[in-house]
Protein backbone atom coordinates (compact mmCIF):
# COMPACT_ATOMS: atom_id res chain seq x y z
CA MET A 1 97.39 78.91 99.15
CA PHE A 2 101.31 79.83 97.37
CA ARG A 3 99.91 81.95 94.72
CA SER A 4 101.16 85.33 96.51
CA LEU A 5 103.90 83.13 96.98
CA ILE A 6 104.59 82.12 93.43
CA VAL A 7 103.51 85.55 92.55
CA ALA A 8 106.29 86.83 94.98
CA VAL A 9 109.37 84.71 93.72
CA LEU A 10 108.86 85.95 89.85
CA VAL A 11 108.39 89.28 90.97
CA ALA A 12 111.69 89.29 92.56
CA VAL A 13 113.35 86.89 90.14
CA GLY A 14 111.64 89.26 86.69
CA VAL A 15 113.75 91.97 88.71
CA THR A 16 117.17 90.73 89.25
CA LEU A 17 117.45 89.31 85.69
CA TRP A 18 116.23 92.23 84.69
CA TRP A 19 119.00 94.05 86.97
CA TYR A 20 121.67 90.94 86.64
CA PRO A 21 124.85 92.55 84.89
CA ALA A 22 126.83 90.77 82.09
CA ALA A 23 130.36 89.49 84.50
CA THR A 24 132.78 91.05 81.91
CA LEU A 25 132.50 92.81 78.70
CA VAL A 26 135.11 93.46 76.68
CA MET A 27 135.39 97.86 75.42
CA VAL A 28 136.88 97.91 71.87
CA GLU A 29 137.86 101.30 70.37
CA PRO A 30 139.51 101.56 66.68
CA VAL A 31 142.73 103.73 67.03
CA ALA A 32 144.20 105.40 63.88
CA TRP A 33 147.68 104.84 64.11
CA GLY A 34 148.25 106.90 60.52
CA GLN A 35 146.72 110.04 62.38
CA LEU A 36 148.91 110.30 65.48
CA HIS A 37 151.48 109.46 63.00
CA GLU A 38 151.36 112.56 60.98
CA GLN A 39 150.77 114.35 64.22
CA GLN A 40 154.30 113.76 64.58
CA TYR A 41 155.13 115.64 62.09
CA ALA A 42 152.22 118.16 62.19
CA PRO A 43 153.27 120.79 65.13
CA ARG A 44 150.95 122.38 67.19
CA GLU A 45 152.22 125.49 66.09
CA ARG A 46 149.79 125.16 62.66
CA ALA A 47 147.72 126.12 64.12
CA SER A 48 148.55 129.35 65.12
CA PRO A 49 148.18 132.26 62.38
CA PHE A 50 151.40 133.89 63.21
CA LEU A 51 153.84 131.51 61.83
CA SER A 52 155.11 131.12 58.07
CA SER A 53 154.59 128.22 55.79
CA ALA A 54 158.10 128.33 55.84
CA VAL A 55 158.51 128.04 59.31
CA ILE A 56 156.46 124.98 59.80
CA GLU A 57 157.97 123.53 56.50
CA GLN A 58 161.51 123.77 58.49
CA SER A 59 159.80 122.94 61.98
CA ARG A 60 158.52 119.32 59.91
CA GLN A 61 162.52 118.67 58.20
CA SER A 62 164.08 118.93 61.61
CA ARG A 63 162.11 115.74 63.11
CA PRO A 64 163.94 112.47 62.12
CA PHE A 65 161.35 110.10 59.84
CA LEU A 66 160.34 107.26 61.57
CA PRO A 67 158.09 104.45 59.39
CA MET A 68 154.37 104.05 61.11
CA ALA A 69 155.53 100.88 61.78
CA GLU A 70 158.56 101.59 63.56
CA PHE A 71 156.41 104.02 65.41
CA ILE A 72 153.46 101.95 66.71
CA HIS A 73 156.65 99.87 67.95
CA ASP A 74 158.03 102.40 69.90
CA GLN A 75 154.44 103.62 71.43
CA LEU A 76 153.88 100.59 72.26
CA GLY A 77 156.82 98.30 73.37
CA GLY A 78 156.41 96.53 70.56
CA ALA A 79 153.30 95.00 72.87
CA MET A 80 151.04 94.51 69.85
CA ARG A 81 149.06 91.17 68.52
CA GLU A 82 147.99 90.67 64.71
CA VAL A 83 144.97 88.26 64.42
CA GLU A 84 143.38 87.44 61.53
CA ALA A 85 139.50 89.38 60.15
CA GLY A 86 136.34 86.91 61.43
CA ASP A 87 133.24 86.31 62.35
CA TRP A 88 133.90 87.58 65.85
CA SER A 89 134.87 91.68 64.00
CA ARG A 90 131.62 91.64 62.43
CA ASP A 91 129.92 94.16 65.04
CA LEU A 92 133.33 95.95 65.21
CA PRO A 93 132.93 100.13 64.67
CA GLY A 94 134.77 100.69 61.46
CA PRO A 95 138.10 102.85 61.64
CA GLY A 96 136.37 106.18 62.16
CA GLY A 97 134.09 104.69 64.67
CA GLY A 98 132.90 104.56 68.03
CA ARG A 99 133.11 101.44 70.54
CA ALA A 100 131.80 98.23 71.12
CA TRP A 101 131.04 95.67 73.19
CA LEU A 102 132.12 92.20 72.96
CA THR A 103 131.31 89.17 75.41
CA PRO A 104 134.65 87.92 76.63
CA GLU A 105 134.16 84.18 74.37
CA ARG A 106 134.13 86.33 70.61
CA VAL A 107 137.59 88.18 71.67
CA PRO A 108 140.35 85.47 70.19
CA VAL A 109 142.54 86.13 73.16
CA THR A 110 142.36 83.39 75.85
CA ASP A 111 144.49 85.86 77.94
CA PRO A 112 143.17 89.19 79.14
CA PRO A 113 145.62 91.93 80.47
CA ARG A 114 145.20 94.13 82.88
CA GLY A 115 145.24 97.06 80.90
CA TRP A 116 144.56 98.17 77.52
CA LEU A 117 145.60 95.02 74.79
CA HIS A 118 146.40 96.66 71.20
CA LEU A 119 144.89 94.18 68.11
CA ALA A 120 146.66 94.58 64.63
CA LEU A 121 143.27 93.31 62.37
CA ARG A 122 143.86 91.83 59.10
CA ASP A 123 141.66 91.60 56.42
CA GLY A 124 143.75 90.80 53.52
CA GLU A 125 145.76 93.29 52.89
CA ALA A 126 144.16 95.99 54.82
CA LEU A 127 145.34 96.56 58.54
CA ASP A 128 142.95 97.97 61.33
CA PHE A 129 144.28 98.49 64.35
CA TYR A 130 141.86 98.58 67.79
CA ARG A 131 142.58 98.48 71.02
CA LEU A 132 140.97 96.39 73.88
CA GLN A 133 141.00 96.75 77.36
CA TRP A 134 138.02 93.93 79.80
CA VAL A 135 136.05 95.88 82.15
CA ASP A 136 133.36 95.14 84.82
CA PRO A 137 129.77 96.84 83.11
CA LEU A 138 129.11 98.00 86.85
CA GLN A 139 131.90 100.06 86.53
CA ARG A 140 130.37 101.16 83.42
CA LEU A 141 126.98 101.54 83.20
CA GLY A 142 126.44 104.69 81.72
CA ASP A 143 128.50 103.85 78.85
CA ILE A 144 127.72 100.13 78.07
CA PRO A 145 124.30 99.63 76.34
CA PRO A 146 121.36 98.36 78.24
CA ALA A 147 120.99 94.60 76.29
CA GLN A 148 124.84 93.68 76.62
CA ALA A 149 124.93 94.85 80.35
CA HIS A 150 121.91 93.46 81.06
CA PRO A 151 122.20 89.70 79.20
CA PHE A 152 118.69 89.04 80.10
CA ARG A 153 116.70 91.61 79.09
CA GLY A 154 117.58 89.84 75.95
CA VAL A 155 116.03 87.17 75.71
CA PRO A 156 112.21 87.73 75.15
CA LEU A 157 111.38 84.37 75.56
CA LEU A 158 112.16 84.41 79.31
CA TRP A 159 110.08 86.95 79.69
CA VAL A 160 107.56 86.08 77.89
CA CYS A 161 107.04 82.83 79.49
CA MET A 162 107.53 84.27 83.09
CA GLY A 163 104.67 87.22 81.98
CA ILE A 164 102.64 84.42 80.62
CA VAL A 165 103.02 82.52 84.46
CA LEU A 166 102.32 85.85 86.35
CA VAL A 167 99.02 86.98 84.77
CA VAL A 168 97.55 83.60 84.84
CA MET A 169 98.70 82.80 88.73
CA LEU A 170 96.62 86.36 88.95
CA ALA A 171 93.98 85.71 86.47
CA LEU A 172 93.30 82.63 88.28
CA PRO A 173 89.77 82.30 90.29
CA VAL A 174 90.81 80.31 93.66
CA ARG A 175 88.28 79.72 95.81
CA GLU A 176 89.03 80.50 99.75
CA SER A 177 88.07 78.03 102.57
CA PRO A 178 87.60 79.72 105.44
CA ALA A 179 91.06 79.05 107.38
CA GLN A 180 92.56 80.36 103.94
CA ALA A 181 90.89 83.98 104.11
CA SER A 182 92.06 84.29 108.13
CA ASN A 183 94.62 86.47 109.80
CA LEU A 184 96.74 83.51 110.41
CA ALA A 185 96.64 82.68 106.71
CA ARG A 186 97.42 86.12 105.60
CA GLY A 187 100.35 86.26 108.40
CA MET A 188 101.99 83.26 107.07
CA ARG A 189 101.58 84.77 103.22
CA ALA A 190 103.21 88.42 103.96
CA GLY A 191 106.10 86.33 106.02
CA LEU A 192 106.37 83.77 102.54
CA ILE A 193 106.43 87.02 100.61
CA MET A 194 109.16 88.67 102.41
CA LEU A 195 111.03 86.18 102.34
CA GLY A 196 110.59 85.09 98.47
CA PHE A 197 110.83 88.90 97.49
CA PHE A 198 114.59 89.21 99.76
CA LEU A 199 115.65 86.03 99.64
CA PRO A 200 117.15 86.25 95.51
CA LEU A 201 118.16 90.14 96.61
CA THR A 202 120.43 89.33 99.43
CA LEU A 203 121.70 86.13 97.30
CA ALA A 204 122.32 88.75 94.22
CA GLY A 205 124.64 91.35 96.73
CA LEU A 206 126.35 87.90 98.04
CA TRP A 207 127.07 87.66 94.26
CA LEU A 208 128.08 91.03 93.49
CA SER A 209 130.00 91.27 97.00
CA GLN A 210 133.07 89.23 95.14
CA ARG A 211 133.57 91.56 92.62
CA SER A 212 134.24 95.61 92.44
CA ALA A 213 131.15 96.26 93.70
CA PRO A 214 130.11 99.28 95.42
CA ASP A 215 129.19 99.75 99.44
CA THR A 216 125.68 99.58 98.88
CA VAL A 217 125.91 96.16 98.01
CA TYR A 218 127.09 95.37 101.23
CA ALA A 219 123.74 97.00 103.18
CA LEU A 220 122.30 95.73 100.46
CA ILE A 221 122.99 92.24 101.76
CA VAL A 222 122.58 93.51 105.45
CA ILE A 223 119.43 94.70 105.32
CA GLY A 224 117.93 91.84 102.52
CA GLY A 225 119.52 88.99 104.86
CA MET A 226 117.48 90.96 107.97
CA LEU A 227 114.20 91.38 106.04
CA ALA A 228 114.53 87.43 104.61
CA VAL A 229 115.05 86.11 107.69
CA ALA A 230 112.15 88.14 109.69
CA GLY A 231 110.08 86.74 106.78
CA LEU A 232 111.43 83.02 107.44
CA ILE A 233 110.08 83.38 111.22
CA THR A 234 107.22 85.60 110.71
CA ALA A 235 106.22 82.61 107.49
CA LEU A 236 106.55 80.19 110.63
CA ILE A 237 105.00 81.11 113.77
CA PHE A 238 101.82 82.12 111.05
CA GLY A 239 102.46 78.88 109.22
CA ARG A 240 102.24 76.69 112.45
CA GLN A 241 98.88 78.77 114.13
CA TYR A 242 97.61 78.13 110.18
CA ALA A 243 98.34 74.08 110.38
CA TRP A 244 96.72 74.60 113.84
CA LEU A 245 93.52 76.33 112.19
CA ARG A 246 92.77 73.71 109.16
CA ARG A 247 92.97 71.62 111.99
CA LEU A 248 90.60 72.76 114.56
CA MET A 249 87.97 73.64 111.65
CA ALA A 250 88.60 69.70 110.31
CA GLY A 251 87.28 68.84 113.57
CA GLU A 252 90.12 68.19 115.67
CA GLY A 253 90.23 69.22 119.31
CA LEU A 254 86.92 71.42 118.76
CA LEU A 255 85.07 72.27 121.13
CA ALA A 256 82.20 74.52 119.31
CA HIS A 257 80.97 75.06 116.34
CA TRP A 258 78.70 77.67 115.71
CA GLN A 259 76.59 79.49 113.37
CA LEU A 260 75.00 83.00 113.64
CA GLU A 261 72.51 85.25 111.55
CA PRO A 262 72.72 87.82 110.00
CA GLY A 263 71.57 90.73 111.84
CA GLN A 264 73.11 89.31 114.75
CA TRP A 265 76.69 88.84 113.29
CA ARG A 266 76.57 92.62 112.69
CA ASP A 267 75.45 93.20 116.12
CA PHE A 268 78.28 91.20 117.58
CA LEU A 269 80.62 93.24 115.27
CA GLN A 270 79.19 96.34 116.48
CA ARG A 271 79.51 95.50 120.14
CA ASP A 272 82.80 94.18 119.40
CA MET A 273 84.09 97.46 117.42
CA GLN A 274 82.97 99.19 120.04
CA ARG A 275 84.39 97.36 122.83
CA SER A 276 87.84 97.81 120.61
CA ARG A 277 88.43 100.84 120.83
CA GLY A 278 87.67 101.89 123.75
CA GLU A 279 90.50 99.92 124.88
CA LYS A 280 92.46 101.35 122.98
CA LEU A 281 91.51 104.54 123.17
CA ALA A 282 92.21 103.83 127.12
CA ARG A 283 95.90 102.72 126.05
CA LEU A 284 96.04 105.70 123.63
CA VAL A 285 95.33 107.99 126.97
CA MET A 286 98.03 107.04 128.72
CA VAL A 287 100.46 106.77 126.11
CA ALA A 288 99.20 110.80 125.85
CA VAL A 289 99.94 111.65 128.87
CA MET A 290 103.80 110.33 129.10
CA ALA A 291 104.00 112.01 125.84
CA VAL A 292 102.89 115.35 127.24
CA VAL A 293 104.69 115.34 129.89
CA VAL A 294 108.10 113.96 128.61
CA GLY A 295 107.88 116.72 125.79
CA LEU A 296 106.73 119.73 128.55
CA GLY A 297 109.97 118.12 130.13
CA PHE A 298 112.29 118.48 126.78
CA VAL A 299 111.09 122.08 126.11
CA LEU A 300 111.12 123.29 130.06
CA PHE A 301 114.49 122.55 130.78
CA ALA A 302 116.51 120.97 127.28
CA PRO A 303 119.64 123.12 127.84
CA ASP A 304 118.85 123.42 124.02
CA ARG A 305 115.26 125.00 123.42
CA GLY A 306 114.73 124.12 119.61
CA ALA A 307 115.76 120.40 120.10
CA GLY A 308 113.69 120.77 123.03
CA LEU A 309 110.53 121.89 120.67
CA VAL A 310 111.83 119.22 117.88
CA VAL A 311 111.29 116.41 120.34
CA ALA A 312 108.27 117.35 121.61
CA GLY A 313 106.90 118.13 118.32
CA VAL A 314 107.77 114.40 117.27
CA LEU A 315 105.99 112.89 120.38
CA VAL A 316 102.76 114.91 119.34
CA GLY A 317 102.86 113.65 115.61
CA MET A 318 103.76 110.04 117.49
CA VAL A 319 100.36 110.53 119.74
CA MET A 320 98.10 111.48 116.63
CA LEU A 321 99.26 108.41 114.28
CA LEU A 322 98.23 106.64 117.18
CA ALA A 323 95.12 108.12 117.31
CA LEU A 324 95.05 107.76 114.18
CA VAL A 325 95.22 104.01 113.99
CA VAL A 326 93.25 103.39 117.22
CA LEU A 327 90.16 105.12 115.36
CA LEU A 328 90.77 103.56 111.59
CA LEU A 329 91.94 100.18 113.03
CA PRO A 330 88.89 98.90 114.84
CA LEU A 331 86.53 100.07 111.74
CA TRP A 332 88.47 98.29 109.21
CA THR A 333 88.51 95.17 111.32
CA ARG A 334 84.91 95.37 111.82
CA ARG A 335 84.60 96.02 107.05
CA ARG A 336 86.67 92.76 107.28
CA LEU A 337 84.59 90.57 109.52
CA LEU A 338 81.05 91.75 107.53
CA ARG A 339 82.66 89.98 104.50
CA ALA A 340 83.64 86.70 106.31
CA VAL A 341 81.40 84.10 106.90
CA PRO A 342 79.95 84.17 110.31
CA GLU A 343 80.73 81.44 112.38
CA VAL A 344 83.02 80.27 115.77
CA TRP A 345 85.24 77.46 116.02
CA LEU A 346 86.12 77.59 119.43
CA GLY A 347 88.65 74.67 121.07
CA PRO A 348 91.48 74.14 123.95
CA GLU A 349 93.87 75.89 122.46
CA GLY A 350 92.16 78.96 120.44
CA VAL A 351 89.44 80.60 118.94
CA CYS A 352 88.30 81.51 114.94
CA ILE A 353 85.53 84.14 114.98
CA GLY A 354 84.58 84.40 111.28
CA ASN A 355 88.02 85.12 109.49
CA GLN A 356 90.18 86.38 112.69
CA ALA A 357 91.87 83.64 114.99
CA HIS A 358 93.95 83.67 118.12
CA HIS A 359 95.69 81.80 119.70
CA TRP A 360 97.11 81.14 122.67
CA SER A 361 98.72 77.47 123.54
CA GLY A 362 102.32 79.05 121.33
CA LEU A 363 105.63 79.37 123.11
CA GLY A 364 104.96 81.77 125.88
CA SER A 365 101.46 82.00 125.80
CA ARG A 366 98.84 81.15 127.59
CA LEU A 367 95.15 81.57 128.32
CA GLU A 368 93.89 83.63 131.26
CA SER A 369 90.65 83.37 132.22
CA ALA A 370 86.96 81.81 130.45
CA ARG A 371 83.62 83.09 131.48
CA LEU A 372 80.24 83.07 130.83
CA ARG A 373 78.18 86.81 130.25
CA ARG A 374 74.52 86.11 130.15
CA GLY A 375 73.12 88.85 128.12
CA LYS A 376 70.50 91.42 129.63
CA GLN A 377 68.27 93.66 128.47
CA GLY A 378 68.01 91.03 125.05
CA LEU A 379 71.41 91.04 124.51
CA PRO A 380 73.11 87.31 123.32
CA ALA A 381 74.96 86.16 125.39
CA ARG A 382 79.04 85.92 124.82
CA ILE A 383 81.96 84.50 126.20
CA GLU A 384 84.77 86.51 127.50
CA LEU A 385 88.43 85.27 127.16
CA THR A 386 92.03 87.07 128.00
CA TYR A 387 95.19 85.03 127.08
CA SER A 388 98.50 86.67 127.10
CA GLY A 389 101.54 86.42 125.68
CA LEU A 390 105.63 87.63 126.21
CA ARG A 391 106.73 90.74 124.62
CA GLY A 392 110.13 91.90 124.76
CA VAL A 393 111.17 95.84 124.98
CA SER A 394 114.72 96.57 124.71
CA SER A 395 116.85 99.37 126.87
CA GLY A 396 119.81 100.91 127.33
CA ARG A 397 120.22 98.73 130.29
CA GLY A 398 118.99 95.48 128.34
CA VAL A 399 115.86 93.33 127.48
CA TYR A 400 112.17 93.21 129.64
CA VAL A 401 109.98 90.88 128.99
CA TYR A 402 106.17 91.50 130.16
CA ARG A 403 102.70 90.16 129.80
CA ASP A 404 101.21 91.52 127.01
CA GLN A 405 97.14 90.35 127.88
CA GLN A 406 94.57 90.33 124.88
CA ASN A 407 90.81 90.74 125.64
CA VAL A 408 88.57 88.04 123.06
CA VAL A 409 84.56 88.20 123.19
CA VAL A 410 83.02 85.63 121.48
CA PRO A 411 79.37 85.34 120.26
CA VAL A 412 77.08 83.42 121.34
CA PRO A 413 74.31 81.88 119.08
CA PRO A 414 70.29 82.30 121.23
CA GLY A 415 69.60 78.52 122.74
CA LYS A 416 72.75 77.72 123.10
CA GLU A 417 73.96 79.15 126.28
CA ALA A 418 73.95 75.61 128.13
CA GLU A 419 76.60 74.50 125.55
CA ALA A 420 78.89 77.64 126.06
CA GLU A 421 79.17 76.62 129.72
CA ARG A 422 80.43 73.14 128.73
CA VAL A 423 82.62 74.75 126.56
CA ILE A 424 84.29 77.20 129.08
CA ALA A 425 84.07 73.67 131.60
CA GLY A 426 86.45 72.03 128.82
CA LEU A 427 88.73 75.57 128.84
CA ARG A 428 89.30 75.68 132.82
CA ALA A 429 89.80 71.78 132.65
CA GLY A 430 92.70 72.47 129.68
CA LYS A 431 93.86 75.79 131.30
CA GLY A 432 94.73 73.43 134.60
CA LYS A 433 96.57 70.83 133.18
């Protein structure tokens, strides 16, 4: 049941660790003090073709000569440390090399300054000069090698273990029960996946917010946090209904459990698809009429004709999208139910037809009516249920709450009409309590 959650958590943790930056790195660059010292006595005019060698030599001799040690002292104000070469310095570039990136624990300095730190690296009689700077990898991701900017990428055992667990979770055969194949179980899994994916991203954003992070990190915290909370609420709502469905299929509070023949099941699904499509088309017509009226109003009376046409176009696109949903959603539901177990579980708190469950015992939900329709012209009998739930609509003046009604048709197998009458009596008795 929790395979989807494990997979989602593995993917989220993997993405987070792949991206996870190092806390601090030390940028090390060689400093050619010898060349800098030489440049003090080789004026820029040396490169000019109009100056003779005598003039250049006279300019050189006119400057007071400083030993290189005094020159470095004047440039840095004495702020240079001398350290001995060791294991930590093996990865440093040579005097003519580029940059190197080290972790702070590898550098023999415990009090890093805010700016540059200059070191004289002594290896026997030789001295090499470097400057170090403690940097936030987030600010220099384009310059730092990925394996050093993201330390977890260099742990192959971690990725091998996560890959093995992920492959096992995806390849492991799972025998789903009717409850696990229901829409309530899918809704609970969707909420758990949202929670498992966005919660690590939100926590990573909170960690980054303690550093010099860009503004996108705060957007990640807000959006990821909202989606994680939405996933938690979705998982709790559908989890409660899923627990009810499992109890119902185990026989707790079960009023009726019917099995249908394959032919009757297909006929019921075809008629139910036509009924559902008809109900949705009626709602679509109402929405389309309102969209046409509003769109024409914008086109005819808006001060800006172009803006009015844009609004009308958006409304037309919305109606076309809703029409596509109305045409395809019942067909998709029918195809999914054709693969379900042709059984019906009916209880005082809800009903499950195949793998499509309806629950009317939640907060603000209730059963409105229940009646038996006996079949005519060779059609089987059916139970027609109507239940409602609270819905909210937000507007500029507040939130308006209304009841949204849902109609459900429950097939009754041949010869089960008397049992269906007793079921309806039990539903009505429970409704009247």
